[in-house]
Amino acid sequence: MESDIIQIDNLGNGFEQAVEETKRVAQFRGLDHKNSLRLQLCTEEMLSMAHTVTGEMQASFWLESEGNCFALHMTTNTVMDKMKRSLLISSATSRKNEAANSFLGKLRDAFENAMASEEESTYFELPVELQADLAGRVVDDPDWDRYERSVLFRLADNVKIDIRGGLVHMTVTKSFA
């Protein structure tokens, strides 16, 4: 069974519909309340992670299910740079780009990786008087804290990332006994 395709944007439009669609599919497949909540959490964390890493998001989300096996799919386009690419691939269970599974795929992946731009970062030197105020304190990195990835690794059976150019396809699979 394949669910409806839900469009999700930067403003969060479609996010609730994706969670509701997940709930509807879980109910159709006869999952108990606890497993239905796990599947919904997988959906929430998957979409949240994709939005956090890619920044702007115009994504499509759908589910496929067969018996008690579920596959959550999300595709989005993004302007790819080396940092995004690295964060996305590190989010996969295999730590590999699933699009690079053949000779030509590996060649294309190596070329795309080489052509990806570096992330633009601006570094500021703090004045000495401000540095003294920060001594002994941990400065939090404002970037992604990887919380969503750790939740997905605990809940999902497998997370696959497929990157071709700026198109990212994420698949999260979960089987319930």
C-alpha atoms as a PDB file:
ATOM      1  CA  MET A   1       0.000   0.000   0.000  1.00  0.00           C
ATOM      2  CA  GLU A   2       1.244   3.457  -0.843  1.00  0.00           C
ATOM      3  CA  SER A   3      -0.150   6.484   0.968  1.00  0.00           C
ATOM      4  CA  ASP A   4      -1.016   9.885  -0.415  1.00  0.00           C
ATOM      5  CA  ILE A   5       1.889  12.212  -1.192  1.00  0.00           C
ATOM      6  CA  ILE A   6       2.070  15.139   1.220  1.00  0.00           C
ATOM      7  CA  GLN A   7       3.813  18.383   0.213  1.00  0.00           C
ATOM      8  CA  ILE A   8       5.789  20.061   2.997  1.00  0.00           C
ATOM      9  CA  ASP A   9       7.275  23.545   2.877  1.00  0.00           C
ATOM     10  CA  ASN A  10       9.504  25.820   4.967  1.00  0.00           C
ATOM     11  CA  LEU A  11       6.623  27.250   6.914  1.00  0.00           C
ATOM     12  CA  GLY A  12       5.681  23.828   8.260  1.00  0.00           C
ATOM     13  CA  ASN A  13       2.688  23.472   5.983  1.00  0.00           C
ATOM     14  CA  GLY A  14       2.104  19.785   5.455  1.00  0.00           C
ATOM     15  CA  PHE A  15       4.003  18.641   8.546  1.00  0.00           C
ATOM     16  CA  GLU A  16       0.848  17.868  10.533  1.00  0.00           C
ATOM     17  CA  GLN A  17      -0.740  16.246   7.477  1.00  0.00           C
ATOM     18  CA  ALA A  18       2.298  13.941   7.172  1.00  0.00           C
ATOM     19  CA  VAL A  19       1.938  12.879  10.820  1.00  0.00           C
ATOM     20  CA  GLU A  20      -1.811  12.351  10.346  1.00  0.00           C
ATOM     21  CA  GLU A  21      -1.174  10.292   7.205  1.00  0.00           C
ATOM     22  CA  THR A  22       1.288   8.165   9.178  1.00  0.00           C
ATOM     23  CA  LYS A  23      -1.327   7.671  11.901  1.00  0.00           C
ATOM     24  CA  ARG A  24      -3.932   6.726   9.297  1.00  0.00           C
ATOM     25  CA  VAL A  25      -1.647   4.154   7.626  1.00  0.00           C
ATOM     26  CA  ALA A  26      -0.672   2.684  11.019  1.00  0.00           C
ATOM     27  CA  GLN A  27      -4.351   2.347  11.925  1.00  0.00           C
ATOM     28  CA  PHE A  28      -5.136   0.769   8.544  1.00  0.00           C
ATOM     29  CA  ARG A  29      -2.349  -1.799   9.116  1.00  0.00           C
ATOM     30  CA  GLY A  30      -3.640  -2.547  12.621  1.00  0.00           C
ATOM     31  CA  LEU A  31      -0.682  -1.294  14.667  1.00  0.00           C
ATOM     32  CA  ASP A  32      -1.294  -0.912  18.379  1.00  0.00           C
ATOM     33  CA  HIS A  33      -1.132   2.548  19.965  1.00  0.00           C
ATOM     34  CA  LYS A  34       2.495   2.234  21.120  1.00  0.00           C
ATOM     35  CA  ASN A  35       3.837   1.168  17.718  1.00  0.00           C
ATOM     36  CA  SER A  36       1.712   3.768  15.980  1.00  0.00           C
ATOM     37  CA  LEU A  37       3.346   6.439  18.154  1.00  0.00           C
ATOM     38  CA  ARG A  38       6.798   5.056  17.281  1.00  0.00           C
ATOM     39  CA  LEU A  39       6.020   5.312  13.586  1.00  0.00           C
ATOM     40  CA  GLN A  40       4.709   8.851  14.032  1.00  0.00           C
ATOM     41  CA  LEU A  41       7.887   9.786  15.939  1.00  0.00           C
ATOM     42  CA  CYS A  42       9.974   8.404  13.061  1.00  0.00           C
ATOM     43  CA  THR A  43       8.022  10.651  10.689  1.00  0.00           C
ATOM     44  CA  GLU A  44       8.437  13.731  12.873  1.00  0.00           C
ATOM     45  CA  GLU A  45      12.162  13.238  13.408  1.00  0.00           C
ATOM     46  CA  MET A  46      12.810  12.410   9.752  1.00  0.00           C
ATOM     47  CA  LEU A  47      11.115  15.579   8.522  1.00  0.00           C
ATOM     48  CA  SER A  48      12.645  17.709  11.250  1.00  0.00           C
ATOM     49  CA  MET A  49      16.143  16.418  10.490  1.00  0.00           C
ATOM     50  CA  ALA A  50      15.741  17.034   6.761  1.00  0.00           C
ATOM     51  CA  HIS A  51      14.528  20.580   7.375  1.00  0.00           C
ATOM     52  CA  THR A  52      17.324  21.344   9.844  1.00  0.00           C
ATOM     53  CA  VAL A  53      20.110  20.029   7.619  1.00  0.00           C
ATOM     54  CA  THR A  54      18.917  21.286   4.233  1.00  0.00           C
ATOM     55  CA  GLY A  55      17.607  24.653   5.407  1.00  0.00           C
ATOM     56  CA  GLU A  56      14.938  25.575   2.914  1.00  0.00           C
ATOM     57  CA  MET A  57      12.578  22.742   2.209  1.00  0.00           C
ATOM     58  CA  GLN A  58      10.060  21.911  -0.485  1.00  0.00           C
ATOM     59  CA  ALA A  59       9.593  18.214   0.203  1.00  0.00           C
ATOM     60  CA  SER A  60       7.308  15.358  -0.757  1.00  0.00           C
ATOM     61  CA  PHE A  61       6.499  12.746   1.883  1.00  0.00           C
ATOM     62  CA  TRP A  62       4.759   9.386   1.535  1.00  0.00           C
ATOM     63  CA  LEU A  63       4.620   5.966   3.170  1.00  0.00           C
ATOM     64  CA  GLU A  64       4.734   2.474   1.735  1.00  0.00           C
ATOM     65  CA  SER A  65       3.648  -0.491   3.797  1.00  0.00           C
ATOM     66  CA  GLU A  66       3.379  -4.204   3.365  1.00  0.00           C
ATOM     67  CA  GLY A  67       2.060  -6.088   6.369  1.00  0.00           C
ATOM     68  CA  ASN A  68       3.838  -4.655   9.398  1.00  0.00           C
ATOM     69  CA  CYS A  69       6.819  -3.327   7.413  1.00  0.00           C
ATOM     70  CA  PHE A  70       6.835   0.412   6.759  1.00  0.00           C
ATOM     71  CA  ALA A  71       8.999   2.624   4.563  1.00  0.00           C
ATOM     72  CA  LEU A  72       8.817   6.386   5.083  1.00  0.00           C
ATOM     73  CA  HIS A  73       9.973   8.343   2.022  1.00  0.00           C
ATOM     74  CA  MET A  74      10.909  11.992   1.717  1.00  0.00           C
ATOM     75  CA  THR A  75      12.384  13.806  -1.279  1.00  0.00           C
ATOM     76  CA  THR A  76      13.518  17.403  -1.389  1.00  0.00           C
ATOM     77  CA  ASN A  77      15.692  19.671  -3.496  1.00  0.00           C
ATOM     78  CA  THR A  78      18.440  21.697  -1.880  1.00  0.00           C
ATOM     79  CA  VAL A  79      21.461  23.719  -2.840  1.00  0.00           C
ATOM     80  CA  MET A  80      24.106  21.157  -1.918  1.00  0.00           C
ATOM     81  CA  ASP A  81      27.393  22.069  -0.295  1.00  0.00           C
ATOM     82  CA  LYS A  82      30.039  19.855   1.285  1.00  0.00           C
ATOM     83  CA  MET A  83      28.735  20.359   4.825  1.00  0.00           C
ATOM     84  CA  LYS A  84      25.118  19.465   3.970  1.00  0.00           C
ATOM     85  CA  ARG A  85      26.299  16.465   2.000  1.00  0.00           C
ATOM     86  CA  SER A  86      28.445  15.269   4.896  1.00  0.00           C
ATOM     87  CA  LEU A  87      25.658  15.748   7.462  1.00  0.00           C
ATOM     88  CA  LEU A  88      23.125  13.943   5.300  1.00  0.00           C
ATOM     89  CA  ILE A  89      25.383  10.982   4.537  1.00  0.00           C
ATOM     90  CA  SER A  90      26.385  10.706   8.202  1.00  0.00           C
ATOM     91  CA  SER A  91      22.672  10.351   8.967  1.00  0.00           C
ATOM     92  CA  ALA A  92      22.414   7.146   6.940  1.00  0.00           C
ATOM     93  CA  THR A  93      22.748   3.828   8.717  1.00  0.00           C
ATOM     94  CA  SER A  94      25.412   2.694   6.229  1.00  0.00           C
ATOM     95  CA  ARG A  95      27.129   6.119   6.199  1.00  0.00           C
ATOM     96  CA  LYS A  96      27.070   5.893   2.394  1.00  0.00           C
ATOM     97  CA  ASN A  97      25.266   7.620  -0.431  1.00  0.00           C
ATOM     98  CA  GLU A  98      22.836   4.979  -1.703  1.00  0.00           C
ATOM     99  CA  ALA A  99      22.930   6.544  -5.173  1.00  0.00           C
ATOM    100  CA  ALA A 100      26.585   5.485  -5.473  1.00  0.00           C
ATOM    101  CA  ASN A 101      26.055   1.740  -5.729  1.00  0.00           C
ATOM    102  CA  SER A 102      27.356   1.135  -9.267  1.00  0.00           C
ATOM    103  CA  PHE A 103      30.542   2.163 -11.036  1.00  0.00           C
ATOM    104  CA  LEU A 104      28.846   5.085 -12.781  1.00  0.00           C
ATOM    105  CA  GLY A 105      27.029   5.988  -9.569  1.00  0.00           C
ATOM    106  CA  LYS A 106      30.325   6.082  -7.667  1.00  0.00           C
ATOM    107  CA  LEU A 107      31.904   8.142 -10.417  1.00  0.00           C
ATOM    108  CA  ARG A 108      28.995  10.601 -10.426  1.00  0.00           C
ATOM    109  CA  ASP A 109      29.093  10.757  -6.611  1.00  0.00           C
ATOM    110  CA  ALA A 110      32.834  11.502  -6.574  1.00  0.00           C
ATOM    111  CA  PHE A 111      32.360  14.206  -9.226  1.00  0.00           C
ATOM    112  CA  GLU A 112      29.430  15.802  -7.380  1.00  0.00           C
ATOM    113  CA  ASN A 113      31.365  15.699  -4.125  1.00  0.00           C
ATOM    114  CA  ALA A 114      34.358  17.388  -5.760  1.00  0.00           C
ATOM    115  CA  MET A 115      32.141  20.048  -7.354  1.00  0.00           C
ATOM    116  CA  ALA A 116      30.176  20.807  -4.177  1.00  0.00           C
ATOM    117  CA  SER A 117      30.914  24.240  -2.824  1.00  0.00           C
ATOM    118  CA  GLU A 118      32.443  24.877   0.541  1.00  0.00           C
ATOM    119  CA  GLU A 119      30.135  26.227   3.199  1.00  0.00           C
ATOM    120  CA  GLU A 120      30.591  29.932   3.691  1.00  0.00           C
ATOM    121  CA  SER A 121      31.557  30.648   7.264  1.00  0.00           C
ATOM    122  CA  THR A 122      32.311  33.935   8.917  1.00  0.00           C
ATOM    123  CA  TYR A 123      34.603  33.960  11.899  1.00  0.00           C
ATOM    124  CA  PHE A 124      34.795  36.862  14.290  1.00  0.00           C
ATOM    125  CA  GLU A 125      37.608  37.565  16.692  1.00  0.00           C
ATOM    126  CA  LEU A 126      36.217  38.416  20.120  1.00  0.00           C
ATOM    127  CA  PRO A 127      37.714  41.363  21.979  1.00  0.00           C
ATOM    128  CA  VAL A 128      39.877  40.383  24.972  1.00  0.00           C
ATOM    129  CA  GLU A 129      37.383  41.783  27.505  1.00  0.00           C
ATOM    130  CA  LEU A 130      34.619  39.548  26.107  1.00  0.00           C
ATOM    131  CA  GLN A 131      36.900  36.491  25.980  1.00  0.00           C
ATOM    132  CA  ALA A 132      37.454  36.826  29.733  1.00  0.00           C
ATOM    133  CA  ASP A 133      33.693  36.622  30.280  1.00  0.00           C
ATOM    134  CA  LEU A 134      33.556  33.332  28.377  1.00  0.00           C
ATOM    135  CA  ALA A 135      36.427  31.623  30.199  1.00  0.00           C
ATOM    136  CA  GLY A 136      35.341  28.302  31.700  1.00  0.00           C
ATOM    137  CA  ARG A 137      32.016  28.261  29.873  1.00  0.00           C
ATOM    138  CA  VAL A 138      30.953  25.937  27.125  1.00  0.00           C
ATOM    139  CA  VAL A 139      29.926  27.789  23.998  1.00  0.00           C
ATOM    140  CA  ASP A 140      27.117  25.915  22.265  1.00  0.00           C
ATOM    141  CA  ASP A 141      27.375  25.296  18.564  1.00  0.00           C
ATOM    142  CA  PRO A 142      24.258  26.890  17.016  1.00  0.00           C
ATOM    143  CA  ASP A 143      24.258  24.293  14.236  1.00  0.00           C
ATOM    144  CA  TRP A 144      22.417  21.004  14.201  1.00  0.00           C
ATOM    145  CA  ASP A 145      22.685  19.054  17.490  1.00  0.00           C
ATOM    146  CA  ARG A 146      21.955  15.701  15.777  1.00  0.00           C
ATOM    147  CA  TYR A 147      19.114  14.887  18.170  1.00  0.00           C
ATOM    148  CA  GLU A 148      16.811  13.794  15.345  1.00  0.00           C
ATOM    149  CA  ARG A 149      19.474  11.471  13.953  1.00  0.00           C
ATOM    150  CA  SER A 150      19.989   9.758  17.315  1.00  0.00           C
ATOM    151  CA  VAL A 151      16.230   9.226  17.725  1.00  0.00           C
ATOM    152  CA  LEU A 152      15.966   7.778  14.210  1.00  0.00           C
ATOM    153  CA  PHE A 153      18.917   5.444  14.823  1.00  0.00           C
ATOM    154  CA  ARG A 154      17.187   4.123  17.959  1.00  0.00           C
ATOM    155  CA  LEU A 155      13.717   3.712  16.488  1.00  0.00           C
ATOM    156  CA  ALA A 156      14.225   2.836  12.823  1.00  0.00           C
ATOM    157  CA  ASP A 157      15.604  -0.378  11.389  1.00  0.00           C
ATOM    158  CA  ASN A 158      17.376   1.415   8.554  1.00  0.00           C
ATOM    159  CA  VAL A 159      17.931   4.968   7.298  1.00  0.00           C
ATOM    160  CA  LYS A 160      19.017   5.423   3.675  1.00  0.00           C
ATOM    161  CA  ILE A 161      20.130   8.645   2.045  1.00  0.00           C
ATOM    162  CA  ASP A 162      20.238   8.961  -1.744  1.00  0.00           C
ATOM    163  CA  ILE A 163      21.853  12.157  -3.076  1.00  0.00           C
ATOM    164  CA  ARG A 164      21.941  13.011  -6.772  1.00  0.00           C
ATOM    165  CA  GLY A 165      22.952  16.582  -7.417  1.00  0.00           C
ATOM    166  CA  GLY A 166      20.645  18.676  -5.252  1.00  0.00           C
ATOM    167  CA  LEU A 167      17.942  15.998  -4.990  1.00  0.00           C
ATOM    168  CA  VAL A 168      17.875  14.216  -1.645  1.00  0.00           C
ATOM    169  CA  HIS A 169      15.782  11.087  -1.110  1.00  0.00           C
ATOM    170  CA  MET A 170      15.571   9.768   2.441  1.00  0.00           C
ATOM    171  CA  THR A 171      14.032   6.385   3.268  1.00  0.00           C
ATOM    172  CA  VAL A 172      13.393   5.253   6.839  1.00  0.00           C
ATOM    173  CA  THR A 173      12.297   1.642   7.278  1.00  0.00           C
ATOM    174  CA  LYS A 174      10.689   0.097  10.331  1.00  0.00           C
ATOM    175  CA  SER A 175       9.254  -3.394  10.855  1.00  0.00           C
ATOM    176  CA  PHE A 176       6.969  -4.315  13.722  1.00  0.00           C
ATOM    177  CA  ALA A 177       6.791  -7.961  14.813  1.00  0.00           C
END
